[in-house]
């Protein structure tokens, strides 16, 4: 796991630097104050492969034993669509995209969060687009990450 530099844009796409956004959570210097902040920091943890943070912020009742460093890590976007907090339970609806096997995949999920001992924890999620198929990306197409580069010079993986 390699954390981004403190001045680089935060992977969660908050328009803040990593140092002003998710860094304190992944470095365990702060606790996310609300489910949306936790969702953003967990997305960042997926981006950088921080399994210890994911485990620490996952309700132990639902933590999957098979979560591994082999999880896809080429996440390119996060969009928070909705959030609802009612007491010690919350839902956050989001859409995230990743590039896997040179294809663009979209994950649309409604995540459930619980407030446990003063900390928000991820409980579970319900996919909203399970039947969505990954979309092939032409090597000469603009990279979907928004870098302005063509795909073959950005996120394209050979072989």
Protein backbone atom coordinates (compact mmCIF):
# COMPACT_ATOMS: atom_id res chain seq x y z
CA UNK A 1 0.00 0.00 0.00
CA UNK A 2 1.30 3.42 -0.97
CA UNK A 3 -0.61 6.48 0.22
CA UNK A 4 -0.85 9.49 -2.08
CA UNK A 5 1.19 12.59 -1.31
CA UNK A 6 -0.53 15.03 1.02
CA UNK A 7 -0.81 17.69 -1.72
CA UNK A 8 -2.11 15.38 -4.46
CA UNK A 9 -5.84 15.35 -5.22
CA UNK A 10 -7.69 12.93 -2.96
CA UNK A 11 -8.72 9.74 -4.76
CA UNK A 12 -12.29 10.17 -3.46
CA UNK A 13 -12.74 13.07 -5.89
CA UNK A 14 -13.74 15.55 -3.18
CA UNK A 15 -11.79 18.34 -4.95
CA UNK A 16 -9.56 18.54 -1.85
CA UNK A 17 -5.97 17.41 -1.41
CA UNK A 18 -5.39 14.01 0.17
CA UNK A 19 -3.89 15.80 3.19
CA UNK A 20 -7.06 17.87 3.67
CA UNK A 21 -9.44 14.99 3.01
CA UNK A 22 -8.96 11.25 3.64
CA UNK A 23 -5.38 11.16 4.91
CA UNK A 24 -6.25 11.57 8.61
CA UNK A 25 -8.71 8.67 8.44
CA UNK A 26 -6.42 6.24 6.65
CA UNK A 27 -3.57 7.17 9.00
CA UNK A 28 -5.95 6.57 11.95
CA UNK A 29 -5.54 10.15 13.19
CA UNK A 30 -9.28 10.84 13.02
CA UNK A 31 -12.61 9.01 12.86
CA UNK A 32 -15.12 9.77 10.12
CA UNK A 33 -17.85 11.97 11.61
CA UNK A 34 -20.59 10.81 9.24
CA UNK A 35 -21.36 7.98 6.80
CA UNK A 36 -20.56 10.01 3.67
CA UNK A 37 -17.10 10.85 4.99
CA UNK A 38 -16.62 7.19 5.89
CA UNK A 39 -17.76 6.16 2.40
CA UNK A 40 -15.23 8.53 0.81
CA UNK A 41 -12.41 7.31 3.04
CA UNK A 42 -13.28 3.65 2.37
CA UNK A 43 -13.29 4.32 -1.38
CA UNK A 44 -9.83 5.85 -0.98
CA UNK A 45 -8.74 2.77 0.99
CA UNK A 46 -9.91 0.56 -1.89
CA UNK A 47 -7.94 2.79 -4.31
CA UNK A 48 -4.69 2.39 -2.38
CA UNK A 49 -5.25 -1.19 -1.16
CA UNK A 50 -5.47 -0.34 2.55
CA UNK A 51 -7.08 -3.55 3.80
CA UNK A 52 -6.42 -2.76 7.46
CA UNK A 53 -8.49 0.45 7.22
CA UNK A 54 -11.26 -1.39 5.39
CA UNK A 55 -11.36 -4.03 8.12
CA UNK A 56 -11.28 -1.41 10.90
CA UNK A 57 -14.28 0.38 9.36
CA UNK A 58 -16.32 -2.73 8.53
CA UNK A 59 -18.88 -4.06 10.99
CA UNK A 60 -17.28 -7.29 12.32
CA UNK A 61 -20.64 -9.07 11.90
CA UNK A 62 -20.42 -8.75 8.11
CA UNK A 63 -16.68 -8.52 7.37
CA UNK A 64 -15.84 -10.96 4.53
CA UNK A 65 -13.07 -13.39 5.27
CA UNK A 66 -12.03 -13.46 1.62
CA UNK A 67 -11.18 -9.76 1.23
CA UNK A 68 -7.64 -9.70 -0.10
CA UNK A 69 -4.97 -7.54 -1.65
CA UNK A 70 -6.09 -9.00 -5.00
CA UNK A 71 -9.16 -6.72 -4.99
CA UNK A 72 -9.29 -4.47 -8.06
CA UNK A 73 -7.54 -1.19 -7.28
CA UNK A 74 -7.82 0.82 -10.49
CA UNK A 75 -10.76 2.88 -9.25
CA UNK A 76 -11.22 6.09 -11.23
CA UNK A 77 -14.32 7.85 -9.91
CA UNK A 78 -16.74 8.14 -7.03
CA UNK A 79 -20.06 9.94 -7.06
CA UNK A 80 -22.21 10.18 -3.93
CA UNK A 81 -25.82 10.12 -5.13
CA UNK A 82 -27.75 10.26 -1.86
CA UNK A 83 -27.34 9.85 1.89
CA UNK A 84 -29.86 9.35 4.67
CA UNK A 85 -29.10 9.13 8.39
CA UNK A 86 -31.71 7.99 10.90
CA UNK A 87 -30.31 7.68 14.40
CA UNK A 88 -27.65 4.99 14.49
CA UNK A 89 -28.31 3.70 10.96
CA UNK A 90 -27.57 5.26 7.60
CA UNK A 91 -27.67 4.62 3.88
CA UNK A 92 -25.31 6.06 1.30
CA UNK A 93 -26.03 5.57 -2.38
CA UNK A 94 -23.02 5.91 -4.64
CA UNK A 95 -21.70 5.13 -8.07
CA UNK A 96 -18.04 4.23 -8.53
CA UNK A 97 -16.10 3.28 -11.63
CA UNK A 98 -12.99 1.20 -12.10
CA UNK A 99 -10.93 -0.12 -14.95
CA UNK A 100 -10.40 -3.86 -14.84
CA UNK A 101 -9.03 -5.96 -17.71
CA UNK A 102 -9.11 -2.83 -19.91
CA UNK A 103 -12.86 -2.52 -19.42
CA UNK A 104 -14.85 0.14 -17.61
CA UNK A 105 -16.97 -1.25 -14.79
CA UNK A 106 -19.56 0.68 -12.83
CA UNK A 107 -20.59 -0.22 -9.31
CA UNK A 108 -23.88 1.34 -8.20
CA UNK A 109 -24.63 0.48 -4.58
CA UNK A 110 -26.76 1.49 -1.64
CA UNK A 111 -24.56 0.91 1.40
CA UNK A 112 -25.79 0.44 4.95
CA UNK A 113 -23.85 1.91 7.87
CA UNK A 114 -24.21 1.47 11.64
CA UNK A 115 -23.09 3.75 14.44
CA UNK A 116 -21.30 1.44 16.89
CA UNK A 117 -19.66 2.82 20.03
CA UNK A 118 -19.51 6.30 18.49
CA UNK A 119 -17.97 5.16 15.18
CA UNK A 120 -19.67 4.72 11.83
CA UNK A 121 -19.02 1.28 10.34
CA UNK A 122 -19.90 -0.15 6.95
CA UNK A 123 -22.43 -2.96 7.38
CA UNK A 124 -23.45 -4.13 3.92
CA UNK A 125 -24.50 -3.00 0.49
CA UNK A 126 -27.06 -3.76 -2.15
CA UNK A 127 -25.95 -3.56 -5.76
CA UNK A 128 -28.27 -1.57 -7.98
CA UNK A 129 -26.75 -2.73 -11.27
CA UNK A 130 -25.64 -6.34 -10.86
CA UNK A 131 -26.54 -7.14 -14.46
CA UNK A 132 -24.43 -4.28 -15.89
CA UNK A 133 -21.70 -5.55 -18.18
CA UNK A 134 -18.19 -4.07 -18.30
CA UNK A 135 -17.58 -1.86 -21.33
CA UNK A 136 -14.46 -2.35 -23.45
CA UNK A 137 -12.30 0.74 -23.87
CA UNK A 138 -10.55 1.30 -27.19
CA UNK A 139 -6.81 1.90 -26.79
CA UNK A 140 -7.10 5.13 -28.80
CA UNK A 141 -10.13 6.45 -26.86
CA UNK A 142 -9.82 9.17 -24.21
CA UNK A 143 -9.11 7.53 -20.85
CA UNK A 144 -12.28 7.46 -18.74
CA UNK A 145 -10.30 8.66 -15.71
CA UNK A 146 -10.42 12.20 -17.08
CA UNK A 147 -6.65 12.64 -17.39
CA UNK A 148 -6.91 13.98 -20.93
CA UNK A 149 -4.63 11.20 -22.19
CA UNK A 150 -5.60 8.44 -24.57
CA UNK A 151 -6.34 5.17 -22.83
CA UNK A 152 -3.25 3.34 -24.16
CA UNK A 153 -1.02 5.99 -22.52
CA UNK A 154 -2.87 6.04 -19.21
CA UNK A 155 -4.66 3.06 -17.61
CA UNK A 156 -4.24 0.51 -20.42
CA UNK A 157 -2.70 -2.78 -19.23
CA UNK A 158 -0.93 -5.08 -21.67
CA UNK A 159 -1.47 -8.82 -21.57
